[in-house]
Amino acid sequence: MTDEHFMRQWTDGHERFSADVDKGLARLRRIIEAAYGEPHADGASKTTEAMLAGLAATAVTVVVFASTVMVTTAGIPLA
């Protein structure tokens, strides 16, 4: 039952979560471009976006995995 509840919440919030991640990556790209003072060519920009999206996906996966382990093993000594 808990799994079903989690999946329903994830499905309901996934579009908003994805949109927020896209906005965050776009903001990060603008900050990086401003820091270096020169906009990148379209090809480089798409490559940079893809790289940052991959890094963000990895970070989110690690956070979700770690929080799941912490929740499911609460009170159980792991070592």
N, C-alpha and C. Protein backbone atom coordinates (compact mmCIF):
# COMPACT_ATOMS: atom_id res chain seq x y z
N MET A 1 0.82 -1.19 0.00
CA MET A 1 0.00 0.00 0.00
C MET A 1 0.87 1.26 0.00
N THR A 2 1.94 1.21 0.75
CA THR A 2 2.84 2.36 0.80
C THR A 2 3.45 2.62 -0.57
N ASP A 3 3.83 1.55 -1.28
CA ASP A 3 4.41 1.70 -2.62
C ASP A 3 3.41 2.34 -3.58
N GLU A 4 2.16 1.91 -3.50
CA GLU A 4 1.13 2.47 -4.37
C GLU A 4 0.94 3.96 -4.07
N HIS A 5 0.92 4.31 -2.80
CA HIS A 5 0.75 5.71 -2.40
C HIS A 5 1.93 6.55 -2.92
N PHE A 6 3.14 6.03 -2.75
CA PHE A 6 4.33 6.73 -3.23
C PHE A 6 4.27 6.93 -4.73
N MET A 7 3.91 5.90 -5.48
CA MET A 7 3.86 6.00 -6.93
C MET A 7 2.78 6.99 -7.40
N ARG A 8 1.67 7.02 -6.70
CA ARG A 8 0.63 7.99 -7.08
C ARG A 8 1.11 9.42 -6.84
N GLN A 9 1.78 9.65 -5.71
CA GLN A 9 2.31 10.98 -5.44
C GLN A 9 3.37 11.36 -6.47
N TRP A 10 4.24 10.41 -6.82
CA TRP A 10 5.28 10.68 -7.80
C TRP A 10 4.66 11.02 -9.15
N THR A 11 3.65 10.26 -9.57
CA THR A 11 3.00 10.51 -10.86
C THR A 11 2.31 11.87 -10.87
N ASP A 12 1.67 12.22 -9.76
CA ASP A 12 0.97 13.51 -9.69
C ASP A 12 1.95 14.69 -9.75
N GLY A 13 3.11 14.55 -9.14
CA GLY A 13 4.04 15.67 -9.06
C GLY A 13 5.17 15.65 -10.06
N HIS A 14 5.22 14.64 -10.93
CA HIS A 14 6.36 14.49 -11.83
C HIS A 14 6.48 15.63 -12.84
N GLU A 15 5.38 16.07 -13.42
CA GLU A 15 5.44 17.15 -14.42
C GLU A 15 5.97 18.44 -13.79
N ARG A 16 5.46 18.76 -12.61
CA ARG A 16 5.92 19.98 -11.93
C ARG A 16 7.40 19.85 -11.56
N PHE A 17 7.79 18.69 -11.06
CA PHE A 17 9.18 18.45 -10.69
C PHE A 17 10.09 18.62 -11.90
N SER A 18 9.71 18.03 -13.03
CA SER A 18 10.52 18.13 -14.24
C SER A 18 10.61 19.58 -14.72
N ALA A 19 9.51 20.31 -14.65
CA ALA A 19 9.52 21.71 -15.06
C ALA A 19 10.44 22.53 -14.15
N ASP A 20 10.40 22.26 -12.85
CA ASP A 20 11.27 22.97 -11.92
C ASP A 20 12.74 22.66 -12.18
N VAL A 21 13.05 21.41 -12.49
CA VAL A 21 14.44 21.04 -12.81
C VAL A 21 14.88 21.75 -14.09
N ASP A 22 14.01 21.82 -15.10
CA ASP A 22 14.34 22.52 -16.34
C ASP A 22 14.61 24.00 -16.08
N LYS A 23 13.77 24.63 -15.24
CA LYS A 23 13.97 26.05 -14.91
C LYS A 23 15.30 26.24 -14.18
N GLY A 24 15.60 25.34 -13.26
CA GLY A 24 16.85 25.44 -12.52
C GLY A 24 18.07 25.29 -13.42
N LEU A 25 18.01 24.35 -14.37
CA LEU A 25 19.12 24.18 -15.30
C LEU A 25 19.27 25.40 -16.21
N ALA A 26 18.17 25.98 -16.64
CA ALA A 26 18.24 27.18 -17.48
C ALA A 26 18.86 28.33 -16.69
N ARG A 27 18.49 28.46 -15.42
CA ARG A 27 19.07 29.52 -14.59
C ARG A 27 20.56 29.28 -14.38
N LEU A 28 20.94 28.03 -14.14
CA LEU A 28 22.35 27.70 -13.96
C LEU A 28 23.14 28.00 -15.23
N ARG A 29 22.55 27.69 -16.39
CA ARG A 29 23.22 27.99 -17.65
C ARG A 29 23.43 29.49 -17.82
N ARG A 30 22.42 30.29 -17.48
CA ARG A 30 22.56 31.75 -17.58
C ARG A 30 23.65 32.26 -16.65
N ILE A 31 23.73 31.70 -15.45
CA ILE A 31 24.76 32.11 -14.49
C ILE A 31 26.15 31.77 -15.03
N ILE A 32 26.30 30.58 -15.59
CA ILE A 32 27.59 30.16 -16.13
C ILE A 32 27.97 31.04 -17.32
N GLU A 33 27.01 31.32 -18.20
CA GLU A 33 27.30 32.18 -19.35
C GLU A 33 27.67 33.58 -18.91
N ALA A 34 27.00 34.10 -17.88
CA ALA A 34 27.32 35.44 -17.39
C ALA A 34 28.71 35.46 -16.75
N ALA A 35 29.08 34.39 -16.08
CA ALA A 35 30.38 34.33 -15.41
C ALA A 35 31.52 34.33 -16.42
N TYR A 36 31.33 33.67 -17.56
CA TYR A 36 32.38 33.61 -18.57
C TYR A 36 32.28 34.76 -19.56
N GLY A 37 31.18 35.51 -19.53
CA GLY A 37 31.06 36.71 -20.34
C GLY A 37 30.80 36.51 -21.81
N GLU A 38 30.63 35.29 -22.26
CA GLU A 38 30.36 35.08 -23.68
C GLU A 38 29.36 33.96 -23.86
N PRO A 39 28.31 34.20 -24.62
CA PRO A 39 27.36 33.12 -24.88
C PRO A 39 27.98 32.06 -25.77
N HIS A 40 27.57 30.84 -25.58
CA HIS A 40 28.10 29.74 -26.37
C HIS A 40 27.31 29.60 -27.66
N ALA A 41 27.91 28.94 -28.63
CA ALA A 41 27.20 28.64 -29.87
C ALA A 41 26.06 27.68 -29.56
N ASP A 42 25.09 27.58 -30.46
CA ASP A 42 23.93 26.73 -30.22
C ASP A 42 24.31 25.29 -29.93
N GLY A 43 25.25 24.73 -30.68
CA GLY A 43 25.66 23.34 -30.45
C GLY A 43 26.28 23.15 -29.08
N ALA A 44 27.12 24.08 -28.67
CA ALA A 44 27.76 23.98 -27.35
C ALA A 44 26.73 24.16 -26.25
N SER A 45 25.76 25.02 -26.48
CA SER A 45 24.72 25.25 -25.48
C SER A 45 23.90 23.98 -25.26
N LYS A 46 23.56 23.30 -26.33
CA LYS A 46 22.78 22.06 -26.22
C LYS A 46 23.61 20.99 -25.53
N THR A 47 24.91 20.95 -25.84
CA THR A 47 25.78 19.98 -25.18
C THR A 47 25.88 20.27 -23.69
N THR A 48 26.01 21.54 -23.36
CA THR A 48 26.10 21.95 -21.95
C THR A 48 24.79 21.61 -21.23
N GLU A 49 23.68 21.88 -21.88
CA GLU A 49 22.38 21.54 -21.28
C GLU A 49 22.26 20.05 -21.03
N ALA A 50 22.68 19.25 -21.99
CA ALA A 50 22.60 17.80 -21.84
C ALA A 50 23.49 17.33 -20.70
N MET A 51 24.69 17.89 -20.60
CA MET A 51 25.61 17.51 -19.53
C MET A 51 25.03 17.89 -18.16
N LEU A 52 24.52 19.10 -18.06
CA LEU A 52 23.94 19.54 -16.78
C LEU A 52 22.70 18.73 -16.43
N ALA A 53 21.91 18.37 -17.43
CA ALA A 53 20.73 17.55 -17.17
C ALA A 53 21.15 16.17 -16.66
N GLY A 54 22.20 15.61 -17.22
CA GLY A 54 22.71 14.33 -16.75
C GLY A 54 23.23 14.41 -15.32
N LEU A 55 23.96 15.48 -15.02
CA LEU A 55 24.46 15.66 -13.66
C LEU A 55 23.31 15.86 -12.66
N ALA A 56 22.29 16.61 -13.07
CA ALA A 56 21.14 16.82 -12.20
C ALA A 56 20.39 15.51 -11.97
N ALA A 57 20.24 14.72 -13.03
CA ALA A 57 19.55 13.43 -12.88
C ALA A 57 20.32 12.51 -11.95
N THR A 58 21.65 12.52 -12.05
CA THR A 58 22.47 11.71 -11.15
C THR A 58 22.33 12.17 -9.72
N ALA A 59 22.36 13.47 -9.49
CA ALA A 59 22.23 14.01 -8.14
C ALA A 59 20.87 13.67 -7.54
N VAL A 60 19.82 13.82 -8.33
CA VAL A 60 18.48 13.51 -7.84
C VAL A 60 18.36 12.02 -7.52
N THR A 61 18.94 11.17 -8.36
CA THR A 61 18.90 9.74 -8.11
C THR A 61 19.61 9.38 -6.81
N VAL A 62 20.76 9.99 -6.57
CA VAL A 62 21.50 9.73 -5.33
C VAL A 62 20.70 10.18 -4.12
N VAL A 63 20.09 11.35 -4.20
CA VAL A 63 19.29 11.86 -3.08
C VAL A 63 18.09 10.96 -2.82
N VAL A 64 17.39 10.56 -3.87
CA VAL A 64 16.23 9.69 -3.69
C VAL A 64 16.66 8.34 -3.11
N PHE A 65 17.76 7.78 -3.61
CA PHE A 65 18.25 6.50 -3.09
C PHE A 65 18.64 6.62 -1.62
N ALA A 66 19.40 7.65 -1.29
CA ALA A 66 19.84 7.82 0.10
C ALA A 66 18.66 8.04 1.04
N SER A 67 17.70 8.84 0.63
CA SER A 67 16.55 9.08 1.50
C SER A 67 15.70 7.82 1.65
N THR A 68 15.60 7.03 0.59
CA THR A 68 14.86 5.77 0.68
C THR A 68 15.55 4.81 1.64
N VAL A 69 16.86 4.72 1.57
CA VAL A 69 17.61 3.86 2.49
C VAL A 69 17.43 4.33 3.92
N MET A 70 17.48 5.64 4.14
CA MET A 70 17.33 6.18 5.49
C MET A 70 15.93 5.89 6.04
N VAL A 71 14.92 6.00 5.21
CA VAL A 71 13.55 5.76 5.67
C VAL A 71 13.31 4.27 5.93
N THR A 72 13.78 3.42 5.03
CA THR A 72 13.49 1.99 5.17
C THR A 72 14.34 1.32 6.23
N THR A 73 15.48 1.90 6.58
CA THR A 73 16.35 1.26 7.58
C THR A 73 16.38 2.05 8.89
N ALA A 74 15.36 2.86 9.13
CA ALA A 74 15.33 3.64 10.36
C ALA A 74 15.36 2.72 11.57
N GLY A 75 16.33 2.92 12.43
CA GLY A 75 16.44 2.13 13.65
C GLY A 75 17.15 0.81 13.49
N ILE A 76 17.60 0.49 12.28
CA ILE A 76 18.33 -0.76 12.02
C ILE A 76 19.80 -0.42 11.86
N PRO A 77 20.66 -1.00 12.69
CA PRO A 77 22.09 -0.72 12.52
C PRO A 77 22.60 -1.35 11.22
N LEU A 78 23.26 -0.55 10.39
CA LEU A 78 23.71 -1.03 9.09
C LEU A 78 25.12 -1.60 9.12
N ALA A 79 25.86 -1.30 10.16
CA ALA A 79 27.25 -1.79 10.19
C ALA A 79 27.48 -2.69 11.38
